[in-house]
Amino acid sequence: MNRDRAVGVGLVAIGVVGILLYGWLVFFSPWRNFTLQLTASMAVAAVLGILAWDGHALATTPRRNP
Protein backbone atom coordinates (compact mmCIF):
# COMPACT_ATOMS: atom_id res chain seq x y z
CA MET A 1 0.00 0.00 0.00
CA ASN A 2 2.91 2.38 0.66
CA ARG A 3 4.11 2.01 -2.92
CA ASP A 4 0.62 2.87 -4.23
CA ARG A 5 0.54 5.95 -2.04
CA ALA A 6 3.99 7.03 -3.27
CA VAL A 7 2.94 6.60 -6.89
CA GLY A 8 -0.23 8.58 -6.19
CA VAL A 9 1.69 11.44 -4.56
CA GLY A 10 4.12 11.44 -7.48
CA LEU A 11 1.29 11.64 -10.01
CA VAL A 12 -0.33 14.52 -8.12
CA ALA A 13 3.01 16.36 -8.02
CA ILE A 14 3.56 15.81 -11.76
CA GLY A 15 0.03 17.03 -12.47
CA VAL A 16 0.41 20.20 -10.41
CA VAL A 17 3.82 21.00 -11.91
CA GLY A 18 2.40 20.37 -15.38
CA ILE A 19 -0.54 22.72 -14.76
CA LEU A 20 1.77 25.45 -13.48
CA LEU A 21 4.21 25.00 -16.37
CA TYR A 22 1.43 25.07 -18.95
CA GLY A 23 -0.06 28.18 -17.34
CA TRP A 24 3.30 29.92 -17.47
CA LEU A 25 3.83 28.87 -21.10
CA VAL A 26 0.41 30.16 -22.16
CA PHE A 27 0.27 33.42 -20.20
CA PHE A 28 3.82 34.59 -19.53
CA SER A 29 6.29 33.03 -21.96
CA PRO A 30 7.43 34.33 -25.34
CA TRP A 31 6.31 30.96 -26.83
CA ARG A 32 2.62 31.67 -26.16
CA ASN A 33 1.44 31.22 -29.76
CA PHE A 34 3.53 28.10 -30.32
CA THR A 35 2.23 26.56 -27.09
CA LEU A 36 -1.39 27.19 -28.07
CA GLN A 37 -0.84 25.93 -31.63
CA LEU A 38 0.89 22.78 -30.37
CA THR A 39 -1.83 22.11 -27.79
CA ALA A 40 -4.62 22.62 -30.32
CA SER A 41 -2.87 20.39 -32.85
CA MET A 42 -2.44 17.63 -30.30
CA ALA A 43 -6.08 17.86 -29.22
CA VAL A 44 -7.37 17.72 -32.81
CA ALA A 45 -5.00 14.84 -33.63
CA ALA A 46 -6.22 12.92 -30.57
CA VAL A 47 -9.89 13.36 -31.48
CA LEU A 48 -9.35 12.47 -35.13
CA GLY A 49 -7.14 9.53 -34.13
CA ILE A 50 -9.93 8.15 -31.95
CA LEU A 51 -12.38 8.67 -34.82
CA ALA A 52 -10.06 6.80 -37.21
CA TRP A 53 -9.58 3.99 -34.70
CA ASP A 54 -13.34 3.65 -34.29
CA GLY A 55 -13.82 3.63 -38.06
CA HIS A 56 -11.14 0.99 -38.49
CA ALA A 57 -12.77 -1.17 -35.81
CA LEU A 58 -16.16 -0.86 -37.50
CA ALA A 59 -14.73 -1.59 -40.94
CA THR A 60 -12.69 -4.65 -39.94
CA THR A 61 -14.93 -6.34 -37.36
CA PRO A 62 -16.63 -9.40 -38.83
CA ARG A 63 -20.38 -9.22 -39.08
CA ARG A 64 -22.41 -11.38 -36.70
CA ASN A 65 -25.01 -13.67 -38.23
CA PRO A 66 -28.01 -13.93 -35.90
PDB file of N, CA and C in Angstrom:
ATOM      1  N   MET A   1       0.821  -1.196   0.000  1.00  0.00           N
ATOM      2  CA  MET A   1       0.000   0.000   0.000  1.00  0.00           C
ATOM      3  C   MET A   1       0.865   1.259   0.000  1.00  0.00           C
ATOM      4  N   ASN A   2       2.039   1.213   0.625  1.00  0.00           N
ATOM      5  CA  ASN A   2       2.910   2.384   0.660  1.00  0.00           C
ATOM      6  C   ASN A   2       3.397   2.753  -0.734  1.00  0.00           C
ATOM      7  N   ARG A   3       3.667   1.742  -1.558  1.00  0.00           N
ATOM      8  CA  ARG A   3       4.108   2.009  -2.923  1.00  0.00           C
ATOM      9  C   ARG A   3       2.994   2.683  -3.726  1.00  0.00           C
ATOM     10  N   ASP A   4       1.759   2.238  -3.555  1.00  0.00           N
ATOM     11  CA  ASP A   4       0.622   2.869  -4.232  1.00  0.00           C
ATOM     12  C   ASP A   4       0.475   4.325  -3.818  1.00  0.00           C
ATOM     13  N   ARG A   5       0.647   4.582  -2.544  1.00  0.00           N
ATOM     14  CA  ARG A   5       0.540   5.951  -2.044  1.00  0.00           C
ATOM     15  C   ARG A   5       1.656   6.818  -2.621  1.00  0.00           C
ATOM     16  N   ALA A   6       2.863   6.285  -2.702  1.00  0.00           N
ATOM     17  CA  ALA A   6       3.993   7.035  -3.267  1.00  0.00           C
ATOM     18  C   ALA A   6       3.761   7.342  -4.740  1.00  0.00           C
ATOM     19  N   VAL A   7       3.247   6.374  -5.483  1.00  0.00           N
ATOM     20  CA  VAL A   7       2.938   6.604  -6.886  1.00  0.00           C
ATOM     21  C   VAL A   7       1.849   7.656  -7.016  1.00  0.00           C
ATOM     22  N   GLY A   8       0.840   7.599  -6.166  1.00  0.00           N
ATOM     23  CA  GLY A   8      -0.231   8.584  -6.191  1.00  0.00           C
ATOM     24  C   GLY A   8       0.271   9.988  -5.895  1.00  0.00           C
ATOM     25  N   VAL A   9       1.122  10.130  -4.893  1.00  0.00           N
ATOM     26  CA  VAL A   9       1.687  11.438  -4.563  1.00  0.00           C
ATOM     27  C   VAL A   9       2.551  11.938  -5.711  1.00  0.00           C
ATOM     28  N   GLY A  10       3.302  11.053  -6.327  1.00  0.00           N
ATOM     29  CA  GLY A  10       4.120  11.438  -7.479  1.00  0.00           C
ATOM     30  C   GLY A  10       3.278  11.921  -8.649  1.00  0.00           C
ATOM     31  N   LEU A  11       2.174  11.233  -8.924  1.00  0.00           N
ATOM     32  CA  LEU A  11       1.292  11.641 -10.011  1.00  0.00           C
ATOM     33  C   LEU A  11       0.638  12.986  -9.739  1.00  0.00           C
ATOM     34  N   VAL A  12       0.244  13.218  -8.479  1.00  0.00           N
ATOM     35  CA  VAL A  12      -0.326  14.519  -8.119  1.00  0.00           C
ATOM     36  C   VAL A  12       0.714  15.613  -8.313  1.00  0.00           C
ATOM     37  N   ALA A  13       1.943  15.362  -7.883  1.00  0.00           N
ATOM     38  CA  ALA A  13       3.011  16.362  -8.021  1.00  0.00           C
ATOM     39  C   ALA A  13       3.283  16.652  -9.495  1.00  0.00           C
ATOM     40  N   ILE A  14       3.338  15.616 -10.324  1.00  0.00           N
ATOM     41  CA  ILE A  14       3.559  15.811 -11.759  1.00  0.00           C
ATOM     42  C   ILE A  14       2.411  16.611 -12.364  1.00  0.00           C
ATOM     43  N   GLY A  15       1.186  16.303 -11.954  1.00  0.00           N
ATOM     44  CA  GLY A  15       0.029  17.030 -12.469  1.00  0.00           C
ATOM     45  C   GLY A  15       0.057  18.499 -12.101  1.00  0.00           C
ATOM     46  N   VAL A  16       0.370  18.802 -10.852  1.00  0.00           N
ATOM     47  CA  VAL A  16       0.407  20.201 -10.405  1.00  0.00           C
ATOM     48  C   VAL A  16       1.526  20.956 -11.107  1.00  0.00           C
ATOM     49  N   VAL A  17       2.704  20.358 -11.206  1.00  0.00           N
ATOM     50  CA  VAL A  17       3.816  21.005 -11.905  1.00  0.00           C
ATOM     51  C   VAL A  17       3.463  21.212 -13.377  1.00  0.00           C
ATOM     52  N   GLY A  18       2.810  20.234 -13.993  1.00  0.00           N
ATOM     53  CA  GLY A  18       2.398  20.373 -15.384  1.00  0.00           C
ATOM     54  C   GLY A  18       1.399  21.499 -15.585  1.00  0.00           C
ATOM     55  N   ILE A  19       0.447  21.630 -14.674  1.00  0.00           N
ATOM     56  CA  ILE A  19      -0.535  22.719 -14.755  1.00  0.00           C
ATOM     57  C   ILE A  19       0.153  24.072 -14.629  1.00  0.00           C
ATOM     58  N   LEU A  20       1.059  24.187 -13.670  1.00  0.00           N
ATOM     59  CA  LEU A  20       1.772  25.451 -13.480  1.00  0.00           C
ATOM     60  C   LEU A  20       2.659  25.778 -14.680  1.00  0.00           C
ATOM     61  N   LEU A  21       3.360  24.781 -15.204  1.00  0.00           N
ATOM     62  CA  LEU A  21       4.212  24.996 -16.368  1.00  0.00           C
ATOM     63  C   LEU A  21       3.389  25.395 -17.587  1.00  0.00           C
ATOM     64  N   TYR A  22       2.280  24.729 -17.814  1.00  0.00           N
ATOM     65  CA  TYR A  22       1.429  25.073 -18.951  1.00  0.00           C
ATOM     66  C   TYR A  22       0.856  26.478 -18.785  1.00  0.00           C
ATOM     67  N   GLY A  23       0.426  26.825 -17.587  1.00  0.00           N
ATOM     68  CA  GLY A  23      -0.061  28.176 -17.339  1.00  0.00           C
ATOM     69  C   GLY A  23       0.991  29.224 -17.621  1.00  0.00           C
ATOM     70  N   TRP A  24       2.218  28.971 -17.186  1.00  0.00           N
ATOM     71  CA  TRP A  24       3.295  29.919 -17.472  1.00  0.00           C
ATOM     72  C   TRP A  24       3.550  30.015 -18.968  1.00  0.00           C
ATOM     73  N   LEU A  25       3.584  28.857 -19.656  1.00  0.00           N
ATOM     74  CA  LEU A  25       3.829  28.865 -21.104  1.00  0.00           C
ATOM     75  C   LEU A  25       2.752  29.627 -21.866  1.00  0.00           C
ATOM     76  N   VAL A  26       1.512  29.515 -21.433  1.00  0.00           N
ATOM     77  CA  VAL A  26       0.412  30.159 -22.156  1.00  0.00           C
ATOM     78  C   VAL A  26       0.324  31.648 -21.838  1.00  0.00           C
ATOM     79  N   PHE A  27       0.539  32.045 -20.594  1.00  0.00           N
ATOM     80  CA  PHE A  27       0.273  33.419 -20.203  1.00  0.00           C
ATOM     81  C   PHE A  27       1.505  34.313 -20.082  1.00  0.00           C
ATOM     82  N   PHE A  28       2.677  33.741 -19.835  1.00  0.00           N
ATOM     83  CA  PHE A  28       3.822  34.587 -19.525  1.00  0.00           C
ATOM     84  C   PHE A  28       5.051  34.356 -20.392  1.00  0.00           C
ATOM     85  N   SER A  29       5.077  33.328 -21.206  1.00  0.00           N
ATOM     86  CA  SER A  29       6.289  33.031 -21.962  1.00  0.00           C
ATOM     87  C   SER A  29       6.246  33.658 -23.353  1.00  0.00           C
ATOM     88  N   PRO A  30       7.410  33.817 -23.963  1.00  0.00           N
ATOM     89  CA  PRO A  30       7.435  34.328 -25.337  1.00  0.00           C
ATOM     90  C   PRO A  30       6.961  33.281 -26.360  1.00  0.00           C
ATOM     91  N   TRP A  31       6.766  32.042 -25.937  1.00  0.00           N
ATOM     92  CA  TRP A  31       6.314  30.964 -26.825  1.00  0.00           C
ATOM     93  C   TRP A  31       4.818  30.741 -26.718  1.00  0.00           C
ATOM     94  N   ARG A  32       4.068  31.765 -26.373  1.00  0.00           N
ATOM     95  CA  ARG A  32       2.623  31.666 -26.162  1.00  0.00           C
ATOM     96  C   ARG A  32       1.916  31.090 -27.384  1.00  0.00           C
ATOM     97  N   ASN A  33       2.148  31.677 -28.553  1.00  0.00           N
ATOM     98  CA  ASN A  33       1.444  31.223 -29.760  1.00  0.00           C
ATOM     99  C   ASN A  33       1.825  29.795 -30.122  1.00  0.00           C
ATOM    100  N   PHE A  34       3.103  29.461 -30.018  1.00  0.00           N
ATOM    101  CA  PHE A  34       3.534  28.102 -30.322  1.00  0.00           C
ATOM    102  C   PHE A  34       2.892  27.098 -29.364  1.00  0.00           C
ATOM    103  N   THR A  35       2.834  27.448 -28.087  1.00  0.00           N
ATOM    104  CA  THR A  35       2.231  26.557 -27.089  1.00  0.00           C
ATOM    105  C   THR A  35       0.764  26.299 -27.405  1.00  0.00           C
ATOM    106  N   LEU A  36       0.034  27.357 -27.739  1.00  0.00           N
ATOM    107  CA  LEU A  36      -1.386  27.190 -28.068  1.00  0.00           C
ATOM    108  C   LEU A  36      -1.574  26.405 -29.360  1.00  0.00           C
ATOM    109  N   GLN A  37      -0.736  26.675 -30.366  1.00  0.00           N
ATOM    110  CA  GLN A  37      -0.839  25.930 -31.626  1.00  0.00           C
ATOM    111  C   GLN A  37      -0.524  24.456 -31.412  1.00  0.00           C
ATOM    112  N   LEU A  38       0.521  24.168 -30.631  1.00  0.00           N
ATOM    113  CA  LEU A  38       0.893  22.782 -30.365  1.00  0.00           C
ATOM    114  C   LEU A  38      -0.210  22.056 -29.596  1.00  0.00           C
ATOM    115  N   THR A  39      -0.765  22.716 -28.585  1.00  0.00           N
ATOM    116  CA  THR A  39      -1.826  22.109 -27.789  1.00  0.00           C
ATOM    117  C   THR A  39      -3.068  21.836 -28.636  1.00  0.00           C
ATOM    118  N   ALA A  40      -3.453  22.810 -29.459  1.00  0.00           N
ATOM    119  CA  ALA A  40      -4.624  22.622 -30.321  1.00  0.00           C
ATOM    120  C   ALA A  40      -4.380  21.504 -31.322  1.00  0.00           C
ATOM    121  N   SER A  41      -3.191  21.449 -31.896  1.00  0.00           N
ATOM    122  CA  SER A  41      -2.875  20.387 -32.855  1.00  0.00           C
ATOM    123  C   SER A  41      -2.932  19.010 -32.205  1.00  0.00           C
ATOM    124  N   MET A  42      -2.402  18.910 -31.002  1.00  0.00           N
ATOM    125  CA  MET A  42      -2.439  17.629 -30.300  1.00  0.00           C
ATOM    126  C   MET A  42      -3.861  17.216 -29.962  1.00  0.00           C
ATOM    127  N   ALA A  43      -4.692  18.172 -29.554  1.00  0.00           N
ATOM    128  CA  ALA A  43      -6.083  17.859 -29.219  1.00  0.00           C
ATOM    129  C   ALA A  43      -6.851  17.399 -30.455  1.00  0.00           C
ATOM    130  N   VAL A  44      -6.681  18.102 -31.567  1.00  0.00           N
ATOM    131  CA  VAL A  44      -7.368  17.722 -32.807  1.00  0.00           C
ATOM    132  C   VAL A  44      -6.867  16.365 -33.280  1.00  0.00           C
ATOM    133  N   ALA A  45      -5.551  16.136 -33.220  1.00  0.00           N
ATOM    134  CA  ALA A  45      -4.999  14.842 -33.633  1.00  0.00           C
ATOM    135  C   ALA A  45      -5.532  13.706 -32.756  1.00  0.00           C
ATOM    136  N   ALA A  46      -5.687  13.950 -31.463  1.00  0.00           N
ATOM    137  CA  ALA A  46      -6.219  12.917 -30.572  1.00  0.00           C
ATOM    138  C   ALA A  46      -7.668  12.587 -30.918  1.00  0.00           C
ATOM    139  N   VAL A  47      -8.484  13.604 -31.139  1.00  0.00           N
ATOM    140  CA  VAL A  47      -9.890  13.365 -31.475  1.00  0.00           C
ATOM    141  C   VAL A  47     -10.003  12.647 -32.818  1.00  0.00           C
ATOM    142  N   LEU A  48      -9.277  13.108 -33.822  1.00  0.00           N
ATOM    143  CA  LEU A  48      -9.348  12.468 -35.130  1.00  0.00           C
ATOM    144  C   LEU A  48      -8.724  11.073 -35.123  1.00  0.00           C
ATOM    145  N   GLY A  49      -7.711  10.865 -34.285  1.00  0.00           N
ATOM    146  CA  GLY A  49      -7.136   9.530 -34.134  1.00  0.00           C
ATOM    147  C   GLY A  49      -8.134   8.554 -33.534  1.00  0.00           C
ATOM    148  N   ILE A  50      -8.892   8.998 -32.535  1.00  0.00           N
ATOM    149  CA  ILE A  50      -9.931   8.147 -31.951  1.00  0.00           C
ATOM    150  C   ILE A  50     -11.019   7.863 -32.982  1.00  0.00           C
ATOM    151  N   LEU A  51     -11.386   8.863 -33.755  1.00  0.00           N
ATOM    152  CA  LEU A  51     -12.376   8.674 -34.816  1.00  0.00           C
ATOM    153  C   LEU A  51     -11.889   7.650 -35.848  1.00  0.00           C
ATOM    154  N   ALA A  52     -10.625   7.755 -36.252  1.00  0.00           N
ATOM    155  CA  ALA A  52     -10.062   6.803 -37.212  1.00  0.00           C
ATOM    156  C   ALA A  52     -10.001   5.390 -36.628  1.00  0.00           C
ATOM    157  N   TRP A  53      -9.638   5.283 -35.359  1.00  0.00           N
ATOM    158  CA  TRP A  53      -9.575   3.992 -34.697  1.00  0.00           C
ATOM    159  C   TRP A  53     -10.960   3.350 -34.655  1.00  0.00           C
ATOM    160  N   ASP A  54     -11.977   4.140 -34.330  1.00  0.00           N
ATOM    161  CA  ASP A  54     -13.339   3.645 -34.292  1.00  0.00           C
ATOM    162  C   ASP A  54     -13.790   3.203 -35.684  1.00  0.00           C
ATOM    163  N   GLY A  55     -13.472   4.011 -36.687  1.00  0.00           N
ATOM    164  CA  GLY A  55     -13.819   3.629 -38.059  1.00  0.00           C
ATOM    165  C   GLY A  55     -13.136   2.353 -38.489  1.00  0.00           C
ATOM    166  N   HIS A  56     -11.876   2.210 -38.138  1.00  0.00           N
ATOM    167  CA  HIS A  56     -11.141   0.989 -38.486  1.00  0.00           C
ATOM    168  C   HIS A  56     -11.778  -0.221 -37.809  1.00  0.00           C
ATOM    169  N   ALA A  57     -12.142  -0.066 -36.534  1.00  0.00           N
ATOM    170  CA  ALA A  57     -12.771  -1.174 -35.813  1.00  0.00           C
ATOM    171  C   ALA A  57     -14.104  -1.555 -36.447  1.00  0.00           C
ATOM    172  N   LEU A  58     -14.885  -0.563 -36.851  1.00  0.00           N
ATOM    173  CA  LEU A  58     -16.165  -0.861 -37.497  1.00  0.00           C
ATOM    174  C   LEU A  58     -15.963  -1.520 -38.860  1.00  0.00           C
ATOM    175  N   ALA A  59     -14.949  -1.071 -39.591  1.00  0.00           N
ATOM    176  CA  ALA A  59     -14.731  -1.595 -40.937  1.00  0.00           C
ATOM    177  C   ALA A  59     -14.140  -2.995 -40.941  1.00  0.00           C
ATOM    178  N   THR A  60     -13.390  -3.369 -39.916  1.00  0.00           N
ATOM    179  CA  THR A  60     -12.685  -4.654 -39.941  1.00  0.00           C
ATOM    180  C   THR A  60     -13.304  -5.710 -39.034  1.00  0.00           C
ATOM    181  N   THR A  61     -14.302  -5.356 -38.232  1.00  0.00           N
ATOM    182  CA  THR A  61     -14.934  -6.339 -37.361  1.00  0.00           C
ATOM    183  C   THR A  61     -15.883  -7.211 -38.179  1.00  0.00           C
ATOM    184  N   PRO A  62     -15.729  -8.524 -38.057  1.00  0.00           N
ATOM    185  CA  PRO A  62     -16.627  -9.398 -38.826  1.00  0.00           C
ATOM    186  C   PRO A  62     -18.080  -9.218 -38.395  1.00  0.00           C
ATOM    187  N   ARG A  63     -18.956  -9.370 -39.348  1.00  0.00           N
ATOM    188  CA  ARG A  63     -20.380  -9.222 -39.080  1.00  0.00           C
ATOM    189  C   ARG A  63     -20.913 -10.465 -38.388  1.00  0.00           C
ATOM    190  N   ARG A  64     -21.792 -10.249 -37.389  1.00  0.00           N
ATOM    191  CA  ARG A  64     -22.413 -11.379 -36.704  1.00  0.00           C
ATOM    192  C   ARG A  64     -23.629 -11.827 -37.489  1.00  0.00           C
ATOM    193  N   ASN A  65     -23.818 -13.114 -37.582  1.00  0.00           N
ATOM    194  CA  ASN A  65     -25.012 -13.668 -38.230  1.00  0.00           C
ATOM    195  C   ASN A  65     -25.950 -14.186 -37.140  1.00  0.00           C
ATOM    196  N   PRO A  66     -27.093 -13.509 -36.972  1.00  0.00           N
ATOM    197  CA  PRO A  66     -28.010 -13.931 -35.897  1.00  0.00           C
ATOM    198  C   PRO A  66     -28.710 -15.233 -36.201  1.00  0.00           C
TER     199      PRO A  66
END
